[in-house]
C-alpha atoms as a PDB file:
ATOM      1  CA  MET A   1      94.890  74.130  90.406  1.00  0.00           C
ATOM      2  CA  LEU A   2      96.974  71.944  93.059  1.00  0.00           C
ATOM      3  CA  ARG A   3      93.649  70.055  93.724  1.00  0.00           C
ATOM      4  CA  LYS A   4      92.872  69.464  90.392  1.00  0.00           C
ATOM      5  CA  ILE A   5      96.649  68.066  89.140  1.00  0.00           C
ATOM      6  CA  GLY A   6      96.408  65.796  92.666  1.00  0.00           C
ATOM      7  CA  LYS A   7      93.179  64.625  91.569  1.00  0.00           C
ATOM      8  CA  LEU A   8      94.280  64.138  87.851  1.00  0.00           C
ATOM      9  CA  TYR A   9      97.348  62.274  88.675  1.00  0.00           C
ATOM     10  CA  VAL A  10      95.178  59.880  90.711  1.00  0.00           C
ATOM     11  CA  GLU A  11      92.903  59.440  87.765  1.00  0.00           C
ATOM     12  CA  HIS A  12      95.408  58.862  85.274  1.00  0.00           C
ATOM     13  CA  GLU A  13      98.409  57.005  87.529  1.00  0.00           C
ATOM     14  CA  THR A  14     101.514  58.852  85.591  1.00  0.00           C
ATOM     15  CA  ALA A  15     102.685  62.375  85.241  1.00  0.00           C
ATOM     16  CA  ARG A  16     102.870  61.691  81.304  1.00  0.00           C
ATOM     17  CA  ASN A  17      99.266  60.448  81.085  1.00  0.00           C
ATOM     18  CA  THR A  18      98.117  63.425  83.329  1.00  0.00           C
ATOM     19  CA  ALA A  19      99.871  65.729  80.751  1.00  0.00           C
ATOM     20  CA  GLU A  20      98.767  64.425  77.967  1.00  0.00           C
ATOM     21  CA  PHE A  21      94.839  64.402  79.225  1.00  0.00           C
ATOM     22  CA  ILE A  22      95.673  68.204  80.380  1.00  0.00           C
ATOM     23  CA  ASN A  23      96.812  69.008  76.624  1.00  0.00           C
ATOM     24  CA  ALA A  24      93.992  67.340  74.969  1.00  0.00           C
ATOM     25  CA  GLY A  25      91.331  69.052  77.065  1.00  0.00           C
ATOM     26  CA  GLU A  26      88.459  71.021  75.346  1.00  0.00           C
ATOM     27  CA  ASN A  27      89.706  74.233  76.662  1.00  0.00           C
ATOM     28  CA  PHE A  28      93.034  73.860  74.802  1.00  0.00           C
ATOM     29  CA  ASP A  29      92.002  72.398  71.591  1.00  0.00           C
ATOM     30  CA  GLY A  30      95.102  69.775  71.673  1.00  0.00           C
ATOM     31  CA  HIS A  31      97.252  72.696  72.427  1.00  0.00           C
ATOM     32  CA  GLY A  32      97.700  72.546  76.119  1.00  0.00           C
ATOM     33  CA  PRO A  33     100.882  73.762  78.128  1.00  0.00           C
ATOM     34  CA  PHE A  34     103.044  70.544  78.267  1.00  0.00           C
ATOM     35  CA  ARG A  35     105.322  70.120  75.590  1.00  0.00           C
ATOM     36  CA  PHE A  36     106.894  66.505  74.307  1.00  0.00           C
ATOM     37  CA  ASP A  37     109.473  66.219  71.292  1.00  0.00           C
ATOM     38  CA  HIS A  38     106.549  66.015  68.727  1.00  0.00           C
ATOM     39  CA  SER A  39     105.181  69.406  70.120  1.00  0.00           C
ATOM     40  CA  ARG A  40     108.161  71.129  71.505  1.00  0.00           C
ATOM     41  CA  ASN A  41     107.789  73.942  69.007  1.00  0.00           C
ATOM     42  CA  ASP A  42     104.035  74.687  69.727  1.00  0.00           C
ATOM     43  CA  PHE A  43     103.594  77.790  71.720  1.00  0.00           C
ATOM     44  CA  ARG A  44     100.018  78.581  70.820  1.00  0.00           C
ATOM     45  CA  PHE A  45      98.908  77.945  74.635  1.00  0.00           C
ATOM     46  CA  TYR A  46     101.790  80.262  75.881  1.00  0.00           C
ATOM     47  CA  LYS A  47     100.611  83.221  73.400  1.00  0.00           C
ATOM     48  CA  GLN A  48      96.961  82.712  73.767  1.00  0.00           C
ATOM     49  CA  TYR A  49      96.820  82.482  77.528  1.00  0.00           C
ATOM     50  CA  GLY A  50     100.033  84.783  78.353  1.00  0.00           C
ATOM     51  CA  VAL A  51     101.546  82.174  80.560  1.00  0.00           C
ATOM     52  CA  GLY A  52     105.411  82.175  80.729  1.00  0.00           C
ATOM     53  CA  TYR A  53     107.264  79.193  79.258  1.00  0.00           C
ATOM     54  CA  TYR A  54     110.099  79.653  81.966  1.00  0.00           C
ATOM     55  CA  ARG A  55     109.437  80.985  85.594  1.00  0.00           C
ATOM     56  CA  LEU A  56     111.467  83.845  86.748  1.00  0.00           C
ATOM     57  CA  THR A  57     113.683  81.285  88.769  1.00  0.00           C
ATOM     58  CA  GLU A  58     114.402  79.391  85.651  1.00  0.00           C
ATOM     59  CA  LEU A  59     115.365  82.751  83.842  1.00  0.00           C
ATOM     60  CA  ILE A  60     118.055  83.338  86.710  1.00  0.00           C
ATOM     61  CA  ALA A  61     119.584  79.841  85.911  1.00  0.00           C
ATOM     62  CA  PRO A  62     120.528  79.562  82.364  1.00  0.00           C
ATOM     63  CA  GLN A  63     121.042  76.116  82.265  1.00  0.00           C
ATOM     64  CA  ALA A  64     117.111  75.322  83.453  1.00  0.00           C
ATOM     65  CA  ILE A  65     114.622  73.389  81.610  1.00  0.00           C
ATOM     66  CA  SER A  66     111.068  74.582  81.258  1.00  0.00           C
ATOM     67  CA  GLN A  67     108.685  73.043  84.084  1.00  0.00           C
ATOM     68  CA  TRP A  68     106.251  72.396  80.713  1.00  0.00           C
ATOM     69  CA  TYR A  69     108.691  70.089  79.077  1.00  0.00           C
ATOM     70  CA  LEU A  70     108.438  66.330  78.972  1.00  0.00           C
ATOM     71  CA  GLY A  71     110.377  65.423  76.063  1.00  0.00           C
ATOM     72  CA  SER A  72     113.476  63.501  75.958  1.00  0.00           C
ATOM     73  CA  GLY A  73     116.767  64.258  77.900  1.00  0.00           C
ATOM     74  CA  GLY A  74     116.334  66.523  80.722  1.00  0.00           C
ATOM     75  CA  THR A  75     112.681  66.502  81.576  1.00  0.00           C
ATOM     76  CA  VAL A  76     111.409  68.675  84.162  1.00  0.00           C
ATOM     77  CA  GLY A  77     107.445  68.379  83.632  1.00  0.00           C
ATOM     78  CA  PHE A  78     107.419  64.986  85.130  1.00  0.00           C
ATOM     79  CA  HIS A  79     108.662  66.108  88.115  1.00  0.00           C
ATOM     80  CA  THR A  80     106.724  69.090  88.248  1.00  0.00           C
ATOM     81  CA  ILE A  81     103.496  67.166  87.955  1.00  0.00           C
ATOM     82  CA  THR A  82     104.399  64.698  90.444  1.00  0.00           C
ATOM     83  CA  GLY A  83     105.545  67.187  92.860  1.00  0.00           C
ATOM     84  CA  LEU A  84     102.472  68.986  92.588  1.00  0.00           C
ATOM     85  CA  ALA A  85     100.281  65.745  93.198  1.00  0.00           C
ATOM     86  CA  ALA A  86     102.625  65.175  96.071  1.00  0.00           C
ATOM     87  CA  ILE A  87     101.964  68.573  97.652  1.00  0.00           C
ATOM     88  CA  ASP A  88      98.673  68.238  97.361  1.00  0.00           C
ATOM     89  CA  TRP A  89      98.559  64.997  99.393  1.00  0.00           C
ATOM     90  CA  LEU A  90     100.637  66.494 101.896  1.00  0.00           C
ATOM     91  CA  ILE A  91      98.409  69.357 102.246  1.00  0.00           C
ATOM     92  CA  GLY A  92      95.458  67.146 102.682  1.00  0.00           C
ATOM     93  CA  LEU A  93      97.512  65.271 105.635  1.00  0.00           C
ATOM     94  CA  ARG A  94      98.010  68.864 106.952  1.00  0.00           C
ATOM     95  CA  GLU A  95      94.483  69.735 106.851  1.00  0.00           C
ATOM     96  CA  LYS A  96      93.792  66.672 108.978  1.00  0.00           C
ATOM     97  CA  GLY A  97      96.336  67.917 111.536  1.00  0.00           C
ATOM     98  CA  GLU A  98      98.817  64.920 110.578  1.00  0.00           C
ATOM     99  CA  LEU A  99     101.520  67.233 109.452  1.00  0.00           C
ATOM    100  CA  ASP A 100     102.593  71.088 110.317  1.00  0.00           C
ATOM    101  CA  PHE A 101     104.527  72.689 107.534  1.00  0.00           C
ATOM    102  CA  GLU A 102     104.591  75.721 105.391  1.00  0.00           C
ATOM    103  CA  VAL A 103     105.298  75.961 101.894  1.00  0.00           C
ATOM    104  CA  TRP A 104     107.974  78.483 100.735  1.00  0.00           C
ATOM    105  CA  PRO A 105     107.389  81.169  99.186  1.00  0.00           C
ATOM    106  CA  HIS A 106     103.955  80.449  98.117  1.00  0.00           C
ATOM    107  CA  GLU A 107     102.601  80.597 102.054  1.00  0.00           C
ATOM    108  CA  THR A 108     105.321  82.294 103.473  1.00  0.00           C
ATOM    109  CA  LEU A 109     108.173  84.773 102.461  1.00  0.00           C
ATOM    110  CA  ARG A 110     109.604  84.469 105.600  1.00  0.00           C
ATOM    111  CA  PRO A 111     109.825  81.147 107.273  1.00  0.00           C
ATOM    112  CA  SER A 112     108.791  81.320 110.822  1.00  0.00           C
ATOM    113  CA  GLY A 113     111.529  78.544 112.058  1.00  0.00           C
ATOM    114  CA  GLU A 114     108.990  76.789 114.027  1.00  0.00           C
ATOM    115  CA  ARG A 115     107.333  74.681 111.443  1.00  0.00           C
ATOM    116  CA  HIS A 116     108.786  72.370 108.692  1.00  0.00           C
ATOM    117  CA  LEU A 117     109.384  73.925 105.656  1.00  0.00           C
ATOM    118  CA  LEU A 118     108.853  72.721 101.947  1.00  0.00           C
ATOM    119  CA  VAL A 119     111.184  74.266  99.380  1.00  0.00           C
ATOM    120  CA  GLU A 120     112.165  73.868  95.929  1.00  0.00           C
ATOM    121  CA  SER A 121     115.719  73.111  95.539  1.00  0.00           C
ATOM    122  CA  TYR A 122     118.192  72.854  92.784  1.00  0.00           C
ATOM    123  CA  PRO A 123     120.839  70.048  93.464  1.00  0.00           C
ATOM    124  CA  ALA A 124     123.240  71.648  90.536  1.00  0.00           C
ATOM    125  CA  ILE A 125     123.802  74.615  92.797  1.00  0.00           C
ATOM    126  CA  CYS A 126     125.088  72.682  95.852  1.00  0.00           C
ATOM    127  CA  PRO A 127     128.715  71.690  95.975  1.00  0.00           C
ATOM    128  CA  LYS A 128     129.591  68.188  95.004  1.00  0.00           C
ATOM    129  CA  LEU A 129     130.351  65.697  97.824  1.00  0.00           C
ATOM    130  CA  ALA A 130     133.151  63.181  98.504  1.00  0.00           C
ATOM    131  CA  SER A 131     130.815  60.754  99.928  1.00  0.00           C
ATOM    132  CA  TYR A 132     126.900  60.525  99.510  1.00  0.00           C
ATOM    133  CA  GLY A 133     126.739  58.061 102.582  1.00  0.00           C
ATOM    134  CA  PRO A 134     123.989  55.507 102.089  1.00  0.00           C
ATOM    135  CA  CYS A 135     122.526  56.656  98.701  1.00  0.00           C
ATOM    136  CA  LYS A 136     121.848  54.267  95.817  1.00  0.00           C
ATOM    137  CA  ASP A 137     120.585  56.174  93.047  1.00  0.00           C
ATOM    138  CA  GLY A 138     121.055  59.730  91.543  1.00  0.00           C
ATOM    139  CA  HIS A 139     117.907  61.180  93.536  1.00  0.00           C
ATOM    140  CA  GLN A 140     118.767  59.845  96.547  1.00  0.00           C
ATOM    141  CA  ARG A 141     122.439  61.575  95.894  1.00  0.00           C
ATOM    142  CA  ASP A 142     120.679  64.826  94.769  1.00  0.00           C
ATOM    143  CA  ALA A 143     118.685  64.887  97.974  1.00  0.00           C
ATOM    144  CA  TRP A 144     121.792  63.944 100.033  1.00  0.00           C
ATOM    145  CA  ARG A 145     123.497  66.912  98.366  1.00  0.00           C
ATOM    146  CA  VAL A 146     120.894  69.453  98.935  1.00  0.00           C
ATOM    147  CA  LEU A 147     120.906  68.401 102.694  1.00  0.00           C
ATOM    148  CA  ALA A 148     124.431  68.327 103.247  1.00  0.00           C
ATOM    149  CA  TYR A 149     124.606  72.161 101.455  1.00  0.00           C
ATOM    150  CA  LEU A 150     121.559  73.320 103.891  1.00  0.00           C
ATOM    151  CA  SER A 151     122.971  71.703 107.134  1.00  0.00           C
ATOM    152  CA  LEU A 152     126.461  73.407 106.478  1.00  0.00           C
ATOM    153  CA  ALA A 153     124.714  76.872 105.732  1.00  0.00           C
ATOM    154  CA  ASN A 154     122.743  76.353 108.833  1.00  0.00           C
ATOM    155  CA  ASP A 155     126.010  75.327 110.934  1.00  0.00           C
ATOM    156  CA  GLU A 156     127.726  78.674 109.486  1.00  0.00           C
ATOM    157  CA  GLY A 157     124.926  80.745 110.031  1.00  0.00           C
ATOM    158  CA  ARG A 158     124.088  81.411 106.634  1.00  0.00           C
ATOM    159  CA  LEU A 159     120.660  79.432 106.203  1.00  0.00           C
ATOM    160  CA  SER A 160     118.231  82.445 106.756  1.00  0.00           C
ATOM    161  CA  GLU A 161     120.114  84.583 104.219  1.00  0.00           C
ATOM    162  CA  MET A 162     119.249  81.711 101.556  1.00  0.00           C
ATOM    163  CA  PHE A 163     115.455  82.511 102.088  1.00  0.00           C
ATOM    164  CA  GLU A 164     115.950  86.277 101.100  1.00  0.00           C
ATOM    165  CA  ILE A 165     114.668  86.690  97.568  1.00  0.00           C
ATOM    166  CA  LYS A 166     116.302  89.793  96.143  1.00  0.00           C
ATOM    167  CA  GLU A 167     114.016  91.890  93.707  1.00  0.00           C
ATOM    168  CA  MET A 168     115.261  91.730  90.240  1.00  0.00           C
ATOM    169  CA  PRO A 169     113.976  93.193  87.016  1.00  0.00           C
ATOM    170  CA  PHE A 170     112.288  90.891  84.509  1.00  0.00           C
ATOM    171  CA  GLY A 171     110.681  92.496  81.348  1.00  0.00           C
ATOM    172  CA  ARG A 172     107.737  90.251  81.616  1.00  0.00           C
ATOM    173  CA  ILE A 173     106.377  91.326  84.962  1.00  0.00           C
ATOM    174  CA  ASP A 174     105.986  94.991  84.446  1.00  0.00           C
ATOM    175  CA  ASP A 175     102.290  95.079  85.510  1.00  0.00           C
ATOM    176  CA  VAL A 176     102.681  92.493  88.339  1.00  0.00           C
ATOM    177  CA  TYR A 177     104.456  93.083  91.573  1.00  0.00           C
ATOM    178  CA  PHE A 178     107.521  91.111  91.850  1.00  0.00           C
ATOM    179  CA  PHE A 179     107.026  89.305  95.119  1.00  0.00           C
ATOM    180  CA  GLU A 180     103.349  88.665  94.020  1.00  0.00           C
ATOM    181  CA  GLN A 181     104.688  86.785  90.656  1.00  0.00           C
ATOM    182  CA  ILE A 182     107.308  84.694  93.493  1.00  0.00           C
ATOM    183  CA  ARG A 183     104.449  83.620  95.570  1.00  0.00           C
ATOM    184  CA  PHE A 184     102.521  82.395  92.566  1.00  0.00           C
ATOM    185  CA  GLU A 185     105.429  80.867  90.592  1.00  0.00           C
ATOM    186  CA  GLY A 186     107.711  79.819  93.476  1.00  0.00           C
ATOM    187  CA  PHE A 187     111.631  80.033  93.705  1.00  0.00           C
ATOM    188  CA  ILE A 188     114.687  77.990  94.348  1.00  0.00           C
ATOM    189  CA  ILE A 189     116.265  78.195  97.552  1.00  0.00           C
ATOM    190  CA  GLY A 190     119.594  79.601  97.416  1.00  0.00           C
ATOM    191  CA  LEU A 191     119.569  81.206  93.865  1.00  0.00           C
ATOM    192  CA  HIS A 192     120.220  85.170  94.004  1.00  0.00           C
END
């Protein structure tokens, strides 16, 4: 999937165009996974394929927005597609020996501490800062906020516990082992 999203993103140049192309695909008959304002209540894809609209980690954070949503207001789907394409590119560099990292929790549930680590973070769970240093826009401030939070946790010896995912009961995964689902869907660092 990662390679396919990366390839489609290069071909279609934007997350929106990529999502519209996927939705219009032959397999989905115009009812693919991504939701826009005009198709927000169309749940045929999720019912037909048994795919959850929200990931487990989004169910833990009540204010979360689905990764499939690309409509007005808070839109996570654009970030999802762009992020998947970026990870595909980074993995390509890793395969060439130009980078060394692991993706948590997809590739490892316990980071080794010896390689760079890619994780999904959620700036809203991090404390607000008095100063955002050289940041010029909201995206930079979000990254700075997460960096400050993780640096403080590291200084206080709490960083490793932020990577401990505690097993939680969720009705929709009765037939799937919890950590297999986490390794498939991912998790947001620091959410317990």
